[in-house]
Amino acid sequence: MSSPSARPPSRQRRAPDLDSEEARAFVERAASHPSASEAGEGRGEPLVASARRTAAQKEVLRPLTLRIPESLHARLLYIAENGSKSMNQFVIEALVPAVAQQVDKITRRKELGLD
């Protein structure tokens, strides 16, 4: 027997009215919120600018759900248990140079008009 869901059955759910005045007001408030112009919103320049932050500036940490093969997870766990870094620290340190390289590559292609 399955456990009951916290969500009501789909026939009882209402689809939101995205054309309502309330929805439009919400979108306008969200667009004008200071966080809407922060890095990571999918616009090229803020992303590149955020990559140049100094170490003295506190960076906000954002979660990332990542599905990886069990064998890779086991190896990361081995590193964490037998090394001096957590899995998270190890992955971030490995990922930072790869992300910087990819951002540089994309930026160069855009400057050359290739993308």
N, C-alpha and C. Protein backbone atom coordinates (compact mmCIF):
# COMPACT_ATOMS: atom_id res chain seq x y z
N MET A 1 0.84 -1.18 0.00
CA MET A 1 0.00 0.00 0.00
C MET A 1 0.89 1.24 0.00
N SER A 2 0.56 2.20 -0.81
CA SER A 2 1.37 3.41 -0.89
C SER A 2 0.92 4.40 0.18
N SER A 3 1.86 5.27 0.56
CA SER A 3 1.53 6.28 1.57
C SER A 3 0.78 7.43 0.90
N PRO A 4 -0.08 8.11 1.67
CA PRO A 4 -0.84 9.21 1.08
C PRO A 4 0.08 10.37 0.71
N SER A 5 -0.25 11.05 -0.36
CA SER A 5 0.53 12.18 -0.83
C SER A 5 0.12 13.44 -0.08
N ALA A 6 1.06 14.33 0.09
CA ALA A 6 0.75 15.61 0.71
C ALA A 6 0.02 16.53 -0.26
N ARG A 7 0.12 16.23 -1.54
CA ARG A 7 -0.54 17.04 -2.55
C ARG A 7 -1.95 16.53 -2.79
N PRO A 8 -2.88 17.42 -3.05
CA PRO A 8 -4.24 16.98 -3.36
C PRO A 8 -4.26 16.32 -4.74
N PRO A 9 -5.25 15.50 -5.01
CA PRO A 9 -5.35 14.92 -6.34
C PRO A 9 -5.41 16.01 -7.40
N SER A 10 -4.90 15.71 -8.59
CA SER A 10 -4.76 16.73 -9.63
C SER A 10 -6.09 17.37 -10.00
N ARG A 11 -7.20 16.68 -9.90
CA ARG A 11 -8.47 17.29 -10.27
C ARG A 11 -8.86 18.39 -9.30
N GLN A 12 -8.26 18.41 -8.11
CA GLN A 12 -8.57 19.45 -7.13
C GLN A 12 -7.61 20.62 -7.21
N ARG A 13 -6.50 20.47 -7.94
CA ARG A 13 -5.54 21.56 -8.08
C ARG A 13 -6.04 22.57 -9.09
N ARG A 14 -5.82 23.81 -8.79
CA ARG A 14 -6.18 24.87 -9.73
C ARG A 14 -4.92 25.34 -10.44
N ALA A 15 -5.03 25.56 -11.72
CA ALA A 15 -3.92 26.15 -12.46
C ALA A 15 -3.88 27.63 -12.12
N PRO A 16 -2.68 28.19 -11.89
CA PRO A 16 -2.61 29.61 -11.56
C PRO A 16 -3.01 30.46 -12.76
N ASP A 17 -3.63 31.59 -12.47
CA ASP A 17 -4.01 32.53 -13.52
C ASP A 17 -2.85 33.49 -13.72
N LEU A 18 -2.00 33.18 -14.70
CA LEU A 18 -0.81 33.98 -14.92
C LEU A 18 -1.09 35.30 -15.63
N ASP A 19 -2.31 35.46 -16.10
CA ASP A 19 -2.70 36.72 -16.75
C ASP A 19 -3.42 37.66 -15.79
N SER A 20 -3.50 37.28 -14.54
CA SER A 20 -4.22 38.12 -13.57
C SER A 20 -3.39 39.36 -13.22
N GLU A 21 -4.07 40.34 -12.67
CA GLU A 21 -3.40 41.57 -12.24
C GLU A 21 -2.38 41.25 -11.13
N GLU A 22 -2.74 40.31 -10.26
CA GLU A 22 -1.82 39.93 -9.18
C GLU A 22 -0.55 39.32 -9.74
N ALA A 23 -0.67 38.48 -10.75
CA ALA A 23 0.50 37.84 -11.36
C ALA A 23 1.40 38.89 -12.01
N ARG A 24 0.80 39.83 -12.72
CA ARG A 24 1.58 40.88 -13.37
C ARG A 24 2.30 41.75 -12.32
N ALA A 25 1.62 42.06 -11.23
CA ALA A 25 2.23 42.87 -10.16
C ALA A 25 3.39 42.10 -9.52
N PHE A 26 3.21 40.80 -9.33
CA PHE A 26 4.28 39.98 -8.76
C PHE A 26 5.52 40.00 -9.65
N VAL A 27 5.32 39.82 -10.95
CA VAL A 27 6.44 39.80 -11.90
C VAL A 27 7.15 41.16 -11.90
N GLU A 28 6.38 42.25 -11.87
CA GLU A 28 6.99 43.58 -11.85
C GLU A 28 7.81 43.79 -10.59
N ARG A 29 7.27 43.37 -9.44
CA ARG A 29 8.03 43.51 -8.18
C ARG A 29 9.29 42.66 -8.22
N ALA A 30 9.19 41.44 -8.75
CA ALA A 30 10.35 40.55 -8.82
C ALA A 30 11.41 41.12 -9.74
N ALA A 31 11.00 41.69 -10.87
CA ALA A 31 11.96 42.24 -11.83
C ALA A 31 12.69 43.45 -11.27
N SER A 32 12.03 44.20 -10.38
CA SER A 32 12.66 45.40 -9.82
C SER A 32 13.42 45.10 -8.53
N HIS A 33 13.35 43.88 -8.04
CA HIS A 33 14.06 43.51 -6.81
C HIS A 33 15.56 43.52 -7.07
N PRO A 34 16.37 43.97 -6.09
CA PRO A 34 17.83 44.03 -6.30
C PRO A 34 18.45 42.69 -6.69
N SER A 35 17.91 41.60 -6.21
CA SER A 35 18.50 40.30 -6.53
C SER A 35 18.32 39.94 -8.00
N ALA A 36 17.40 40.58 -8.71
CA ALA A 36 17.18 40.27 -10.12
C ALA A 36 18.36 40.69 -10.97
N SER A 37 19.18 41.63 -10.50
CA SER A 37 20.33 42.07 -11.28
C SER A 37 21.63 41.45 -10.81
N GLU A 38 21.58 40.55 -9.84
CA GLU A 38 22.79 39.90 -9.36
C GLU A 38 23.28 38.88 -10.35
N ALA A 39 24.51 38.43 -10.14
CA ALA A 39 25.12 37.43 -11.03
C ALA A 39 24.36 36.13 -10.97
N GLY A 40 24.49 35.36 -12.04
CA GLY A 40 23.88 34.06 -12.07
C GLY A 40 22.47 34.06 -12.60
N GLU A 41 22.00 35.16 -13.13
CA GLU A 41 20.65 35.24 -13.63
C GLU A 41 20.57 34.90 -15.10
N GLY A 42 21.66 34.43 -15.69
CA GLY A 42 21.63 34.02 -17.07
C GLY A 42 22.03 35.12 -18.05
N ARG A 43 22.49 36.27 -17.56
CA ARG A 43 22.95 37.34 -18.43
C ARG A 43 24.47 37.32 -18.42
N GLY A 44 25.09 37.45 -19.58
CA GLY A 44 26.54 37.29 -19.72
C GLY A 44 27.38 38.16 -18.81
N GLU A 45 27.19 39.47 -18.80
CA GLU A 45 28.07 40.36 -18.07
C GLU A 45 28.07 40.15 -16.55
N PRO A 46 26.89 40.07 -15.88
CA PRO A 46 26.96 39.86 -14.43
C PRO A 46 27.69 38.57 -14.06
N LEU A 47 27.55 37.54 -14.88
CA LEU A 47 28.22 36.28 -14.60
C LEU A 47 29.73 36.46 -14.66
N VAL A 48 30.20 37.12 -15.71
CA VAL A 48 31.63 37.34 -15.86
C VAL A 48 32.15 38.25 -14.76
N ALA A 49 31.39 39.29 -14.43
CA ALA A 49 31.81 40.21 -13.38
C ALA A 49 31.89 39.49 -12.04
N SER A 50 30.97 38.57 -11.78
CA SER A 50 30.99 37.87 -10.49
C SER A 50 32.19 36.95 -10.39
N ALA A 51 32.71 36.50 -11.51
CA ALA A 51 33.88 35.63 -11.49
C ALA A 51 35.13 36.39 -11.05
N ARG A 52 35.07 37.72 -11.09
CA ARG A 52 36.23 38.55 -10.75
C ARG A 52 36.17 39.09 -9.34
N ARG A 53 35.29 38.58 -8.51
CA ARG A 53 35.20 39.04 -7.12
C ARG A 53 36.49 38.75 -6.39
N THR A 54 36.83 39.61 -5.45
CA THR A 54 38.03 39.37 -4.66
C THR A 54 37.69 38.39 -3.54
N ALA A 55 38.74 37.81 -2.99
CA ALA A 55 38.56 36.85 -1.90
C ALA A 55 37.96 37.51 -0.66
N ALA A 56 38.14 38.82 -0.52
CA ALA A 56 37.63 39.52 0.65
C ALA A 56 36.11 39.65 0.61
N GLN A 57 35.51 39.59 -0.57
CA GLN A 57 34.06 39.71 -0.68
C GLN A 57 33.41 38.37 -0.36
N LYS A 58 32.38 38.40 0.45
CA LYS A 58 31.68 37.17 0.82
C LYS A 58 30.76 36.75 -0.31
N GLU A 59 30.93 35.56 -0.79
CA GLU A 59 30.13 35.01 -1.88
C GLU A 59 28.95 34.24 -1.29
N VAL A 60 27.77 34.48 -1.83
CA VAL A 60 26.59 33.74 -1.40
C VAL A 60 26.68 32.34 -2.01
N LEU A 61 26.46 31.32 -1.20
CA LEU A 61 26.51 29.95 -1.69
C LEU A 61 25.13 29.50 -2.12
N ARG A 62 25.05 28.85 -3.26
CA ARG A 62 23.79 28.36 -3.80
C ARG A 62 23.88 26.85 -3.95
N PRO A 63 22.83 26.13 -3.62
CA PRO A 63 22.85 24.67 -3.76
C PRO A 63 22.75 24.25 -5.22
N LEU A 64 23.34 23.12 -5.53
CA LEU A 64 23.26 22.54 -6.86
C LEU A 64 23.04 21.04 -6.68
N THR A 65 21.92 20.55 -7.16
CA THR A 65 21.65 19.13 -7.11
C THR A 65 22.31 18.50 -8.32
N LEU A 66 23.14 17.53 -8.08
CA LEU A 66 23.91 16.91 -9.15
C LEU A 66 23.78 15.40 -9.04
N ARG A 67 23.28 14.79 -10.09
CA ARG A 67 23.18 13.33 -10.11
C ARG A 67 24.44 12.80 -10.77
N ILE A 68 25.14 11.97 -10.03
CA ILE A 68 26.38 11.39 -10.55
C ILE A 68 26.32 9.88 -10.38
N PRO A 69 27.12 9.15 -11.17
CA PRO A 69 27.13 7.70 -11.02
C PRO A 69 27.56 7.29 -9.61
N GLU A 70 27.03 6.18 -9.16
CA GLU A 70 27.34 5.70 -7.81
C GLU A 70 28.84 5.46 -7.64
N SER A 71 29.50 5.00 -8.70
CA SER A 71 30.94 4.73 -8.61
C SER A 71 31.73 6.02 -8.37
N LEU A 72 31.33 7.11 -9.03
CA LEU A 72 32.00 8.38 -8.82
C LEU A 72 31.73 8.90 -7.41
N HIS A 73 30.50 8.75 -6.95
CA HIS A 73 30.16 9.17 -5.59
C HIS A 73 31.00 8.41 -4.58
N ALA A 74 31.17 7.12 -4.81
CA ALA A 74 31.98 6.30 -3.89
C ALA A 74 33.43 6.78 -3.86
N ARG A 75 33.96 7.16 -5.01
CA ARG A 75 35.34 7.66 -5.05
C ARG A 75 35.46 9.02 -4.36
N LEU A 76 34.44 9.88 -4.54
CA LEU A 76 34.46 11.17 -3.84
C LEU A 76 34.37 10.98 -2.33
N LEU A 77 33.56 10.02 -1.92
CA LEU A 77 33.44 9.71 -0.50
C LEU A 77 34.77 9.19 0.04
N TYR A 78 35.45 8.38 -0.74
CA TYR A 78 36.77 7.86 -0.35
C TYR A 78 37.75 9.02 -0.15
N ILE A 79 37.75 9.97 -1.08
CA ILE A 79 38.63 11.14 -0.97
C ILE A 79 38.31 11.92 0.30
N ALA A 80 37.02 12.13 0.56
CA ALA A 80 36.61 12.90 1.74
C ALA A 80 37.00 12.19 3.04
N GLU A 81 36.81 10.89 3.07
CA GLU A 81 37.11 10.14 4.30
C GLU A 81 38.61 9.96 4.54
N ASN A 82 39.38 10.00 3.49
CA ASN A 82 40.82 9.74 3.62
C ASN A 82 41.68 10.97 3.35
N GLY A 83 41.07 12.07 3.06
CA GLY A 83 41.81 13.29 2.79
C GLY A 83 41.43 14.38 3.76
N SER A 84 41.82 15.59 3.42
CA SER A 84 41.56 16.71 4.33
C SER A 84 40.43 17.61 3.85
N LYS A 85 39.76 17.21 2.76
CA LYS A 85 38.68 18.04 2.21
C LYS A 85 37.39 17.24 2.13
N SER A 86 36.28 17.98 2.26
CA SER A 86 34.97 17.35 2.09
C SER A 86 34.75 17.11 0.60
N MET A 87 33.74 16.31 0.28
CA MET A 87 33.39 16.08 -1.12
C MET A 87 33.07 17.41 -1.79
N ASN A 88 32.32 18.25 -1.10
CA ASN A 88 31.92 19.53 -1.64
C ASN A 88 33.13 20.40 -1.95
N GLN A 89 34.06 20.50 -1.00
CA GLN A 89 35.27 21.31 -1.21
C GLN A 89 36.07 20.78 -2.40
N PHE A 90 36.22 19.47 -2.48
CA PHE A 90 36.99 18.87 -3.55
C PHE A 90 36.37 19.17 -4.91
N VAL A 91 35.04 18.99 -5.01
CA VAL A 91 34.35 19.22 -6.28
C VAL A 91 34.44 20.69 -6.67
N ILE A 92 34.25 21.60 -5.73
CA ILE A 92 34.34 23.03 -6.05
C ILE A 92 35.73 23.39 -6.55
N GLU A 93 36.77 22.91 -5.87
CA GLU A 93 38.14 23.22 -6.29
C GLU A 93 38.44 22.66 -7.68
N ALA A 94 37.87 21.51 -8.01
CA ALA A 94 38.08 20.95 -9.34
C ALA A 94 37.25 21.67 -10.40
N LEU A 95 36.09 22.17 -10.01
CA LEU A 95 35.16 22.79 -10.95
C LEU A 95 35.52 24.22 -11.30
N VAL A 96 36.09 24.97 -10.37
CA VAL A 96 36.38 26.39 -10.58
C VAL A 96 37.24 26.63 -11.82
N PRO A 97 38.37 25.94 -12.00
CA PRO A 97 39.17 26.20 -13.20
C PRO A 97 38.44 25.82 -14.50
N ALA A 98 37.66 24.75 -14.47
CA ALA A 98 36.92 24.34 -15.67
C ALA A 98 35.87 25.37 -16.03
N VAL A 99 35.18 25.92 -15.05
CA VAL A 99 34.17 26.94 -15.30
C VAL A 99 34.83 28.21 -15.84
N ALA A 100 35.92 28.63 -15.24
CA ALA A 100 36.63 29.83 -15.70
C ALA A 100 37.09 29.66 -17.15
N GLN A 101 37.62 28.50 -17.48
CA GLN A 101 38.07 28.23 -18.84
C GLN A 101 36.90 28.29 -19.83
N GLN A 102 35.76 27.73 -19.45
CA GLN A 102 34.60 27.73 -20.34
C GLN A 102 34.04 29.14 -20.52
N VAL A 103 34.01 29.93 -19.44
CA VAL A 103 33.54 31.32 -19.53
C VAL A 103 34.46 32.11 -20.46
N ASP A 104 35.77 31.92 -20.33
CA ASP A 104 36.72 32.61 -21.21
C ASP A 104 36.51 32.20 -22.67
N LYS A 105 36.29 30.93 -22.90
CA LYS A 105 36.07 30.43 -24.26
C LYS A 105 34.81 31.06 -24.86
N ILE A 106 33.73 31.08 -24.10
CA ILE A 106 32.48 31.67 -24.58
C ILE A 106 32.65 33.16 -24.85
N THR A 107 33.33 33.86 -23.93
CA THR A 107 33.56 35.29 -24.09
C THR A 107 34.35 35.57 -25.36
N ARG A 108 35.42 34.80 -25.60
CA ARG A 108 36.22 34.99 -26.81
C ARG A 108 35.38 34.76 -28.07
N ARG A 109 34.56 33.71 -28.06
CA ARG A 109 33.72 33.42 -29.23
C ARG A 109 32.72 34.56 -29.49
N LYS A 110 32.17 35.11 -28.41
CA LYS A 110 31.23 36.23 -28.57
C LYS A 110 31.94 37.46 -29.10
N GLU A 111 33.16 37.73 -28.61
CA GLU A 111 33.92 38.89 -29.09
C GLU A 111 34.25 38.76 -30.57
N LEU A 112 34.46 37.53 -31.02
CA LEU A 112 34.77 37.29 -32.44
C LEU A 112 33.51 37.21 -33.28
N GLY A 113 32.35 37.27 -32.64
CA GLY A 113 31.08 37.20 -33.36
C GLY A 113 30.72 35.81 -33.82
N LEU A 114 31.26 34.81 -33.20
CA LEU A 114 30.99 33.43 -33.59
C LEU A 114 29.74 32.87 -32.92
N ASP A 115 29.30 33.48 -31.85
CA ASP A 115 28.09 33.04 -31.15
C ASP A 115 27.11 34.16 -31.00
